[in-house]
Amino acid sequence: MSTTVIRPTALSFPSTQWIIGKRDDLFWFIASALFGYLALVGIAAGFSVLTALIIWNLLIDGPHVFATATRTYLDHESRARLGWRLWSVIPFLLIGPAMWAFGFSHLFLVAVISWAQYHIAKQHFGFIMLYKRKTGEKGDIKLDRSFLLISLMLPWAIFAIAMLMPTRVPGRLFMLFGMGCYGIAAAIYVGHQFNKWKTFQVMNPPKLLLLSIVIPLHWLAFYYAIEKPEGLIIAGIATNVGHSLQYHRLMWFHNRNRYSTQDGFAAILSRSPIIYFGIALLLNVIFSAAPRAAFADNTMLLSSLGGMNMTHYYLDSLIWRTRSDKGLATALRL
């Protein structure tokens, strides 16, 4: 999820530092990253990576990808607003097989995962912006954005470089060197926060809690996975599971507030979380899980399914913009 700077409005909702409420925010938006740590611990203890992948794809990550449909393809207002962009799924489905046919399969894999990591970073920045609006922290937007992007993209970049280098380098040594360089940026950011606290400037506890849990997870996940044969899968599960839970809770919060008093299919899906998740799960089974099983022996056709994820990344970057969608700000109670 991505968002833009939220401008003050005359909405009459009470001002709190939480998006939904303290309990919901702490569990779904902040502590959800702890499930990534649990995934790493479980895999390190011997839990099957294949089993973890099936559970993650079928019940967590896949439904979160198709949950985007509840406020795009299945919402008549969004269909009218997005128009031709909804057809982007077709070229996205064709990119993978095309690159595979011309011998660029590794480049395609790196490109899709890089976009996925950027998508995750942008969603976390979206939550930071929401918390800045809620707490009244008006400054440090560029600093927060730059620090978060560096913090979450750098470990993946190091992993990708180590993976693509023609001669195998000691992955964890390479990662430790990157951590040392990154420590300079982290020290500057932490020092700035300490100075804000010392000079009685507005602080943002939810933002700092989110950063303190999410950033170490990404470094730990890629450090642990960098020398594993199934490293991409392991790091992907660990860094995505909390992101998916965040997305489901925010999407349900938005849909319930926005569609419960409307007519149409989107309103039907907002009647209960069971209906909402059931549709997301069903779409995942039909358009991802079943084709994935059918194409298991054909890597070229299997690569086409990356188009579903890319469609999610693209549409998701369009639907969380409060400047162009005033109903969004109202539904999020900003």
Protein backbone atom coordinates (compact mmCIF):
# COMPACT_ATOMS: atom_id res chain seq x y z
CA MET A 1 0.00 0.00 0.00
CA SER A 2 1.24 3.52 -0.83
CA THR A 3 -0.17 6.90 0.08
CA THR A 4 0.55 10.57 -0.32
CA VAL A 5 0.88 13.44 2.09
CA ILE A 6 -2.44 13.87 3.86
CA ARG A 7 -3.54 17.49 4.00
CA PRO A 8 -5.56 18.72 6.99
CA THR A 9 -9.31 18.53 6.45
CA ALA A 10 -12.41 19.62 8.31
CA LEU A 11 -13.50 16.07 9.10
CA SER A 12 -15.14 15.71 12.49
CA PHE A 13 -13.47 12.49 13.59
CA PRO A 14 -11.66 12.58 16.95
CA SER A 15 -7.88 12.97 16.72
CA THR A 16 -5.96 10.03 18.18
CA GLN A 17 -2.57 8.57 17.47
CA TRP A 18 -4.10 5.27 16.28
CA ILE A 19 -5.64 4.49 12.89
CA ILE A 20 -8.28 2.05 14.17
CA GLY A 21 -7.55 1.78 17.87
CA LYS A 22 -4.66 0.93 20.13
CA ARG A 23 -5.33 -2.81 20.32
CA ASP A 24 -6.04 -3.27 16.60
CA ASP A 25 -3.11 -1.13 15.51
CA LEU A 26 -0.60 -2.79 17.80
CA PHE A 27 -1.61 -6.29 16.72
CA TRP A 28 -2.37 -5.89 13.00
CA PHE A 29 -0.21 -2.97 11.87
CA ILE A 30 2.84 -3.11 14.14
CA ALA A 31 3.25 -6.47 15.90
CA SER A 32 2.13 -8.39 12.80
CA ALA A 33 5.80 -8.31 11.76
CA LEU A 34 6.50 -10.65 14.68
CA PHE A 35 4.95 -13.44 12.62
CA GLY A 36 7.90 -12.99 10.26
CA TYR A 37 10.29 -13.65 13.13
CA LEU A 38 8.23 -16.71 14.11
CA ALA A 39 8.45 -17.99 10.53
CA LEU A 40 12.25 -17.71 10.63
CA VAL A 41 12.42 -19.48 13.98
CA GLY A 42 10.14 -22.26 12.74
CA ILE A 43 12.12 -22.83 9.55
CA ALA A 44 15.41 -22.73 11.45
CA ALA A 45 13.98 -25.35 13.82
CA GLY A 46 13.22 -27.67 10.92
CA PHE A 47 9.72 -26.73 9.75
CA SER A 48 9.32 -27.64 6.08
CA VAL A 49 9.94 -24.70 3.75
CA LEU A 50 7.58 -26.25 1.20
CA THR A 51 4.78 -26.51 3.76
CA ALA A 52 5.39 -22.93 4.88
CA LEU A 53 5.28 -21.81 1.23
CA ILE A 54 1.95 -23.54 0.59
CA ILE A 55 0.38 -22.07 3.74
CA TRP A 56 1.73 -18.61 2.94
CA ASN A 57 0.67 -18.63 -0.73
CA LEU A 58 -2.75 -20.15 -0.18
CA LEU A 59 -3.95 -18.54 3.05
CA ILE A 60 -1.96 -15.34 3.62
CA ASP A 61 -0.10 -13.73 0.73
CA GLY A 62 -2.36 -14.89 -2.11
CA PRO A 63 -5.63 -13.64 -0.56
CA HIS A 64 -3.99 -10.30 0.24
CA VAL A 65 -3.07 -9.89 -3.45
CA PHE A 66 -6.64 -10.54 -4.56
CA ALA A 67 -8.18 -8.46 -1.76
CA THR A 68 -7.30 -5.49 -3.98
CA ALA A 69 -10.16 -6.60 -6.25
CA THR A 70 -12.70 -5.75 -3.54
CA ARG A 71 -12.12 -2.06 -4.11
CA THR A 72 -11.12 -2.07 -7.78
CA TYR A 73 -12.73 -4.64 -10.11
CA LEU A 74 -15.66 -5.25 -7.72
CA ASP A 75 -16.40 -1.58 -6.92
CA HIS A 76 -18.37 0.27 -9.62
CA GLU A 77 -17.00 3.68 -8.59
CA SER A 78 -13.41 2.47 -8.78
CA ARG A 79 -14.04 0.79 -12.12
CA ALA A 80 -15.21 4.10 -13.53
CA ARG A 81 -12.30 6.02 -11.99
CA LEU A 82 -9.53 3.57 -12.93
CA GLY A 83 -10.88 2.75 -16.38
CA TRP A 84 -8.26 1.29 -18.75
CA ARG A 85 -5.80 0.74 -15.89
CA LEU A 86 -7.80 -2.30 -14.84
CA TRP A 87 -6.79 -3.95 -18.13
CA SER A 88 -3.13 -3.74 -17.11
CA VAL A 89 -3.45 -7.33 -15.88
CA ILE A 90 -3.20 -8.58 -19.50
CA PRO A 91 0.24 -7.16 -20.38
CA PHE A 92 1.50 -8.01 -16.89
CA LEU A 93 0.52 -11.65 -17.45
CA LEU A 94 2.50 -11.69 -20.71
CA ILE A 95 5.74 -10.14 -19.43
CA GLY A 96 7.00 -13.25 -17.62
CA PRO A 97 6.63 -15.73 -20.51
CA ALA A 98 8.07 -13.18 -22.95
CA MET A 99 11.20 -12.59 -20.87
CA TRP A 100 11.51 -16.32 -20.25
CA ALA A 101 11.34 -17.02 -23.99
CA PHE A 102 14.14 -14.55 -24.72
CA GLY A 103 16.40 -15.91 -21.98
CA PHE A 104 15.87 -13.19 -19.36
CA SER A 105 14.27 -15.36 -16.68
CA HIS A 106 16.72 -14.30 -13.95
CA LEU A 107 16.24 -10.64 -14.79
CA PHE A 108 12.47 -11.11 -14.62
CA LEU A 109 12.71 -12.80 -11.22
CA VAL A 110 14.91 -10.04 -9.78
CA ALA A 111 12.65 -7.32 -11.24
CA VAL A 112 9.46 -8.82 -9.78
CA ILE A 113 10.98 -9.37 -6.34
CA SER A 114 12.49 -5.87 -6.36
CA TRP A 115 9.05 -4.44 -7.11
CA ALA A 116 7.60 -6.61 -4.34
CA GLN A 117 10.13 -5.30 -1.84
CA TYR A 118 9.48 -1.72 -2.95
CA HIS A 119 5.75 -2.38 -2.61
CA ILE A 120 6.26 -3.57 0.97
CA ALA A 121 8.40 -0.54 1.79
CA LYS A 122 5.79 1.79 0.30
CA GLN A 123 3.05 0.17 2.36
CA HIS A 124 5.03 0.68 5.55
CA PHE A 125 5.63 4.29 4.51
CA GLY A 126 1.89 4.60 3.97
CA PHE A 127 1.33 3.61 7.58
CA ILE A 128 4.00 6.07 8.68
CA MET A 129 2.15 8.85 6.85
CA LEU A 130 -1.11 7.83 8.48
CA TYR A 131 0.54 7.91 11.90
CA LYS A 132 2.10 11.29 11.15
CA ARG A 133 -1.38 12.61 10.39
CA LYS A 134 -2.79 11.04 13.55
CA THR A 135 -0.04 12.27 15.90
CA GLY A 136 0.36 15.72 14.33
CA GLU A 137 3.99 15.12 13.32
CA LYS A 138 4.25 17.40 10.28
CA GLY A 139 7.98 17.34 9.55
CA ASP A 140 10.58 14.74 8.57
CA ILE A 141 8.59 13.37 5.64
CA LYS A 142 11.58 13.13 3.29
CA LEU A 143 13.79 11.82 6.08
CA ASP A 144 11.31 9.11 7.07
CA ARG A 145 10.78 8.08 3.46
CA SER A 146 14.48 7.93 2.60
CA PHE A 147 15.42 6.09 5.78
CA LEU A 148 12.67 3.51 5.38
CA LEU A 149 13.42 2.82 1.72
CA ILE A 150 17.15 2.41 2.43
CA SER A 151 16.41 0.22 5.45
CA LEU A 152 14.16 -2.21 3.58
CA MET A 153 15.62 -2.18 0.07
CA LEU A 154 19.33 -2.42 0.95
CA PRO A 155 19.22 -5.95 2.45
CA TRP A 156 17.40 -7.22 -0.65
CA ALA A 157 19.89 -5.43 -2.92
CA ILE A 158 22.81 -7.10 -1.15
CA PHE A 159 21.07 -10.48 -1.39
CA ALA A 160 20.37 -10.00 -5.11
CA ILE A 161 23.94 -8.93 -5.90
CA ALA A 162 25.35 -11.94 -4.05
CA MET A 163 22.91 -14.20 -5.89
CA LEU A 164 23.73 -12.82 -9.36
CA MET A 165 27.51 -12.56 -9.05
CA PRO A 166 29.23 -15.10 -11.37
CA THR A 167 31.61 -16.21 -8.61
CA ARG A 168 30.05 -17.11 -5.30
CA VAL A 169 30.94 -14.64 -2.55
CA PRO A 170 30.59 -15.31 1.18
CA GLY A 171 27.00 -14.09 1.42
CA ARG A 172 26.80 -13.43 5.13
CA LEU A 173 30.13 -11.61 5.13
CA PHE A 174 28.82 -9.43 2.32
CA MET A 175 25.62 -8.81 4.31
CA LEU A 176 27.58 -7.92 7.47
CA PHE A 177 29.58 -5.37 5.49
CA GLY A 178 26.31 -3.86 4.27
CA MET A 179 24.98 -3.76 7.82
CA GLY A 180 28.09 -1.87 8.93
CA CYS A 181 27.60 0.77 6.24
CA TYR A 182 23.88 0.97 6.98
CA GLY A 183 24.65 1.51 10.67
CA ILE A 184 25.78 5.04 9.83
CA ALA A 185 22.35 5.94 8.40
CA ALA A 186 20.61 4.26 11.34
CA ALA A 187 22.74 6.17 13.86
CA ILE A 188 21.90 9.47 12.18
CA TYR A 189 18.19 8.68 12.22
CA VAL A 190 18.17 7.54 15.85
CA GLY A 191 20.19 10.60 16.84
CA HIS A 192 17.65 12.83 15.14
CA GLN A 193 14.81 11.18 17.05
CA PHE A 194 16.68 11.62 20.33
CA ASN A 195 17.22 15.29 19.55
CA LYS A 196 13.50 15.72 18.85
CA TRP A 197 12.65 14.14 22.19
CA LYS A 198 15.26 16.24 23.98
CA THR A 199 13.95 19.50 22.47
CA PHE A 200 10.29 18.63 23.20
CA GLN A 201 9.25 18.29 19.56
CA VAL A 202 6.26 16.19 18.52
CA MET A 203 7.14 12.50 18.74
CA ASN A 204 5.44 9.63 16.92
CA PRO A 205 5.44 6.46 19.08
CA PRO A 206 3.46 4.23 16.63
CA LYS A 207 5.84 5.13 13.80
CA LEU A 208 8.92 4.40 15.88
CA LEU A 209 7.45 1.10 17.11
CA LEU A 210 6.72 0.06 13.53
CA LEU A 211 10.23 0.89 12.36
CA SER A 212 11.87 -0.82 15.34
CA ILE A 213 10.14 -4.13 14.54
CA VAL A 214 10.04 -4.13 10.74
CA ILE A 215 13.58 -2.97 9.88
CA PRO A 216 15.50 -5.61 11.92
CA LEU A 217 13.20 -8.29 10.46
CA HIS A 218 14.26 -7.51 6.89
CA TRP A 219 17.96 -7.53 7.73
CA LEU A 220 17.66 -10.74 9.75
CA ALA A 221 15.57 -12.48 7.08
CA PHE A 222 17.96 -11.77 4.23
CA TYR A 223 21.02 -12.45 6.40
CA TYR A 224 19.66 -15.86 7.40
CA ALA A 225 18.48 -16.69 3.88
CA ILE A 226 21.48 -15.49 1.86
CA GLU A 227 23.35 -18.81 2.00
CA LYS A 228 20.32 -21.10 1.91
CA PRO A 229 19.27 -23.01 -1.25
CA GLU A 230 15.66 -21.89 -0.65
CA GLY A 231 16.74 -18.43 0.51
CA LEU A 232 14.38 -16.45 -1.72
CA ILE A 233 11.36 -18.34 -0.42
CA ILE A 234 12.43 -18.07 3.22
CA ALA A 235 13.10 -14.33 3.06
CA GLY A 236 9.92 -13.77 1.06
CA ILE A 237 7.73 -15.49 3.65
CA ALA A 238 9.37 -13.72 6.60
CA THR A 239 9.16 -10.21 5.13
CA ASN A 240 5.70 -10.60 3.58
CA VAL A 241 3.56 -12.26 6.24
CA GLY A 242 3.20 -9.16 8.43
CA HIS A 243 2.70 -6.99 5.36
CA SER A 244 -0.20 -9.20 4.23
CA LEU A 245 -1.87 -9.10 7.66
CA GLN A 246 -1.52 -5.30 7.73
CA TYR A 247 -3.15 -5.07 4.34
CA HIS A 248 -6.10 -7.31 5.18
CA ARG A 249 -6.93 -5.34 8.34
CA LEU A 250 -6.68 -1.93 6.71
CA MET A 251 -8.63 -3.08 3.66
CA TRP A 252 -11.42 -4.49 5.84
CA PHE A 253 -11.46 -1.30 7.95
CA HIS A 254 -11.75 0.80 4.79
CA ASN A 255 -14.35 -1.40 3.09
CA ARG A 256 -16.54 -1.65 6.17
CA ASN A 257 -16.58 2.11 6.65
CA ARG A 258 -17.00 2.96 2.98
CA TYR A 259 -19.38 0.39 1.56
CA SER A 260 -21.63 -0.65 4.46
CA THR A 261 -24.21 2.03 3.60
CA GLN A 262 -23.97 1.57 -0.19
CA ASP A 263 -25.44 -0.82 -2.72
CA GLY A 264 -23.58 -3.14 -5.04
CA PHE A 265 -21.21 -6.07 -4.81
CA ALA A 266 -18.61 -4.16 -2.79
CA ALA A 267 -21.30 -3.54 -0.16
CA ILE A 268 -22.12 -7.25 -0.02
CA LEU A 269 -18.45 -8.06 0.58
CA SER A 270 -18.33 -5.59 3.48
CA ARG A 271 -21.10 -7.28 5.45
CA SER A 272 -18.71 -9.54 7.35
CA PRO A 273 -14.98 -10.29 7.47
CA ILE A 274 -15.78 -13.90 6.59
CA ILE A 275 -17.37 -12.88 3.28
CA TYR A 276 -14.54 -10.44 2.54
CA PHE A 277 -11.78 -12.96 3.21
CA GLY A 278 -13.72 -15.81 1.61
CA ILE A 279 -13.92 -13.95 -1.70
CA ALA A 280 -10.21 -13.04 -1.55
CA LEU A 281 -9.37 -16.69 -0.82
CA LEU A 282 -11.64 -17.96 -3.61
CA LEU A 283 -10.10 -15.58 -6.17
CA ASN A 284 -6.65 -16.70 -5.09
CA VAL A 285 -7.55 -20.37 -5.56
CA ILE A 286 -9.10 -19.79 -9.00
CA PHE A 287 -6.59 -17.38 -10.49
CA SER A 288 -3.36 -18.31 -8.72
CA ALA A 289 -3.27 -21.54 -6.69
CA ALA A 290 -5.01 -23.75 -9.27
CA PRO A 291 -3.00 -22.43 -12.26
CA ARG A 292 0.17 -22.73 -10.17
CA ALA A 293 -0.54 -26.43 -9.67
CA ALA A 294 -1.45 -26.88 -13.32
CA PHE A 295 1.71 -25.13 -14.57
CA ALA A 296 4.03 -26.76 -12.04
CA ASP A 297 6.10 -28.47 -14.75
CA ASN A 298 6.20 -25.49 -17.13
CA THR A 299 8.30 -22.64 -15.76
CA MET A 300 7.44 -20.35 -18.67
CA LEU A 301 3.71 -20.56 -18.03
CA LEU A 302 4.32 -20.45 -14.28
CA SER A 303 6.09 -17.12 -14.71
CA SER A 304 2.88 -15.60 -16.09
CA LEU A 305 1.37 -15.77 -12.60
CA GLY A 306 3.81 -13.07 -11.56
CA GLY A 307 1.49 -10.82 -13.55
CA MET A 308 -1.16 -11.18 -10.84
CA ASN A 309 1.26 -9.82 -8.26
CA MET A 310 2.42 -7.01 -10.54
CA THR A 311 -1.19 -6.01 -11.16
CA HIS A 312 -1.67 -5.85 -7.40
CA TYR A 313 1.44 -3.68 -6.97
CA TYR A 314 0.34 -1.32 -9.74
CA LEU A 315 -3.32 -0.93 -8.77
CA ASP A 316 -2.43 -0.67 -5.11
CA SER A 317 -0.24 2.33 -5.89
CA LEU A 318 -3.32 4.06 -7.33
CA ILE A 319 -6.10 3.34 -4.85
CA TRP A 320 -4.60 4.71 -1.62
CA ARG A 321 -4.27 8.34 -2.71
CA THR A 322 -6.31 10.59 -0.45
CA ARG A 323 -5.86 13.68 -2.60
CA SER A 324 -7.74 12.19 -5.53
CA ASP A 325 -10.17 10.10 -3.45
CA LYS A 326 -11.86 12.06 -0.69
CA GLY A 327 -13.94 9.03 0.22
CA LEU A 328 -10.73 7.30 1.20
CA ALA A 329 -9.88 9.90 3.85
CA THR A 330 -13.40 9.60 5.24
CA ALA A 331 -13.28 5.80 5.29
CA LEU A 332 -9.92 5.86 7.10
CA ARG A 333 -11.32 8.43 9.56
CA LEU A 334 -8.58 10.96 9.02
